[in-house]
Amino acid sequence: MKVCQLLLGVGFIGFLAVQGVCPPHVAPPAAHVAPAKGKSKKSPAKAPRRARAQKGASESRTNKKVEVIAMMKRAKGVTLAEIVDATGWQNHTVRGFVSILGSKGGEKIESSKNAAGERTYRIAK
């Protein structure tokens, strides 16, 4: 009986009961049967991604990249703070955009600091 109790935790009790090793009061484990599946509880199908995105978009939607490039083409250029105010981007996002614009965008970017210590970006012609 002690052997059956020890092996009960290991999972061999069913095998031992079938072989007649365990006493009759120790029943073999029931066969594992998955519960019957009911009706599927899927959520309703979503609209395609493009349709969902256009639903909330306004008619006067602007392209921030184009705005930044236009500001950088001005004769005096644009400061980092002006870009942040116009786009809502964070400082590191603006610096990353300017870096990629110079390396992969094919633009020649001039960067300088004015007397107040503000960073100014300008696209060279």
Protein backbone atom coordinates (compact mmCIF):
# COMPACT_ATOMS: atom_id res chain seq x y z
CA MET A 1 0.00 0.00 0.00
CA LYS A 2 2.86 2.42 0.72
CA VAL A 3 4.29 1.77 -2.73
CA CYS A 4 0.93 2.67 -4.29
CA GLN A 5 0.71 5.90 -2.27
CA LEU A 6 4.22 6.91 -3.29
CA LEU A 7 3.61 6.12 -6.91
CA LEU A 8 0.27 7.90 -6.83
CA GLY A 9 2.04 11.27 -6.99
CA VAL A 10 4.20 10.10 -9.89
CA GLY A 11 1.24 8.98 -12.00
CA PHE A 12 1.84 5.22 -12.17
CA ILE A 13 -1.18 4.28 -10.05
CA GLY A 14 -3.30 3.51 -13.12
CA PHE A 15 -0.70 1.12 -14.46
CA LEU A 16 -0.26 -0.60 -11.10
CA ALA A 17 -4.02 -0.96 -10.56
CA VAL A 18 -4.38 -2.61 -13.96
CA GLN A 19 -1.52 -4.99 -13.14
CA GLY A 20 -3.16 -5.90 -9.80
CA VAL A 21 -0.35 -4.57 -7.61
CA CYS A 22 -2.41 -1.97 -5.74
CA PRO A 23 -5.22 -2.81 -3.32
CA PRO A 24 -8.77 -2.56 -4.71
CA HIS A 25 -9.66 0.58 -2.72
CA VAL A 26 -7.15 2.59 -4.85
CA ALA A 27 -8.96 3.27 -8.12
CA PRO A 28 -7.09 3.94 -11.33
CA PRO A 29 -7.24 7.52 -12.57
CA ALA A 30 -10.02 8.42 -14.97
CA ALA A 31 -9.14 8.80 -18.62
CA HIS A 32 -8.45 12.39 -19.64
CA VAL A 33 -11.28 13.65 -21.79
CA ALA A 34 -11.44 17.20 -23.08
CA PRO A 35 -14.63 19.06 -22.17
CA ALA A 36 -17.21 19.40 -24.92
CA LYS A 37 -16.84 22.59 -26.88
CA GLY A 38 -19.69 25.01 -26.90
CA LYS A 39 -20.48 27.72 -29.37
CA SER A 40 -17.46 29.77 -30.48
CA LYS A 41 -17.12 33.09 -28.66
CA LYS A 42 -15.34 35.03 -31.39
CA SER A 43 -15.55 38.77 -31.40
CA PRO A 44 -17.15 40.41 -34.42
CA ALA A 45 -14.86 40.94 -37.40
CA LYS A 46 -12.96 44.22 -37.40
CA ALA A 47 -12.99 46.62 -40.30
CA PRO A 48 -9.88 46.61 -42.49
CA ARG A 49 -7.01 48.62 -41.03
CA ARG A 50 -7.12 51.32 -43.71
CA ALA A 51 -10.84 51.93 -43.19
CA ARG A 52 -10.36 52.26 -39.43
CA ALA A 53 -7.51 54.73 -39.86
CA GLN A 54 -9.43 56.93 -42.28
CA LYS A 55 -12.50 57.09 -40.07
CA GLY A 56 -10.74 59.30 -37.48
CA ALA A 57 -8.61 61.30 -39.91
CA SER A 58 -9.57 64.86 -40.69
CA GLU A 59 -9.74 66.39 -44.15
CA SER A 60 -6.91 68.86 -43.46
CA ARG A 61 -4.36 66.23 -42.49
CA THR A 62 -0.77 67.43 -42.84
CA ASN A 63 2.51 65.66 -43.40
CA LYS A 64 4.93 66.62 -40.63
CA LYS A 65 8.00 65.53 -42.58
CA VAL A 66 7.14 67.85 -45.44
CA GLU A 67 6.53 70.71 -43.01
CA VAL A 68 9.92 70.19 -41.33
CA ILE A 69 11.73 70.05 -44.67
CA ALA A 70 9.98 73.25 -45.80
CA MET A 71 11.02 75.01 -42.57
CA MET A 72 14.60 73.81 -43.03
CA LYS A 73 14.70 75.24 -46.59
CA ARG A 74 14.12 78.76 -45.29
CA ALA A 75 17.10 81.08 -45.59
CA LYS A 76 17.62 81.33 -41.83
CA GLY A 77 16.75 77.67 -41.22
CA VAL A 78 14.77 76.47 -38.25
CA THR A 79 15.61 75.91 -34.59
CA LEU A 80 15.10 72.65 -32.77
CA ALA A 81 12.49 74.30 -30.54
CA GLU A 82 10.51 75.53 -33.56
CA ILE A 83 10.38 72.01 -35.03
CA VAL A 84 9.27 70.58 -31.67
CA ASP A 85 6.50 73.20 -31.42
CA ALA A 86 5.32 72.64 -35.00
CA THR A 87 5.29 68.83 -34.93
CA GLY A 88 4.86 67.81 -31.31
CA TRP A 89 7.89 65.54 -31.63
CA GLN A 90 10.42 65.14 -28.84
CA ASN A 91 13.94 66.56 -29.19
CA HIS A 92 15.59 63.19 -29.84
CA THR A 93 13.02 62.41 -32.54
CA VAL A 94 13.81 65.67 -34.35
CA ARG A 95 17.56 64.99 -34.15
CA GLY A 96 17.03 61.46 -35.49
CA PHE A 97 14.88 62.72 -38.36
CA VAL A 98 17.47 65.33 -39.32
CA SER A 99 20.21 62.71 -39.19
CA ILE A 100 18.33 60.30 -41.46
CA LEU A 101 17.36 63.14 -43.80
CA GLY A 102 21.05 63.94 -44.21
CA SER A 103 22.30 60.37 -44.60
CA LYS A 104 19.51 58.57 -46.47
CA GLY A 105 17.44 61.48 -47.73
CA GLY A 106 20.21 62.89 -49.88
CA GLU A 107 19.97 66.38 -48.41
CA LYS A 108 22.97 68.42 -47.26
CA ILE A 109 22.11 69.56 -43.73
CA GLU A 110 23.90 72.46 -42.06
CA SER A 111 23.69 72.52 -38.28
CA SER A 112 24.87 75.39 -36.11
CA LYS A 113 24.34 76.97 -32.72
CA ASN A 114 23.40 80.62 -32.36
CA ALA A 115 24.57 83.00 -29.60
CA ALA A 116 21.76 81.86 -27.31
CA GLY A 117 22.90 78.24 -27.66
CA GLU A 118 19.93 77.10 -29.75
CA ARG A 119 20.56 74.48 -32.42
CA THR A 120 19.59 75.62 -35.93
CA TYR A 121 19.16 73.30 -38.92
CA ARG A 122 19.18 74.40 -42.56
CA ILE A 123 19.16 72.55 -45.87
CA ALA A 124 22.10 73.79 -47.95
CA LYS A 125 21.52 74.57 -51.61
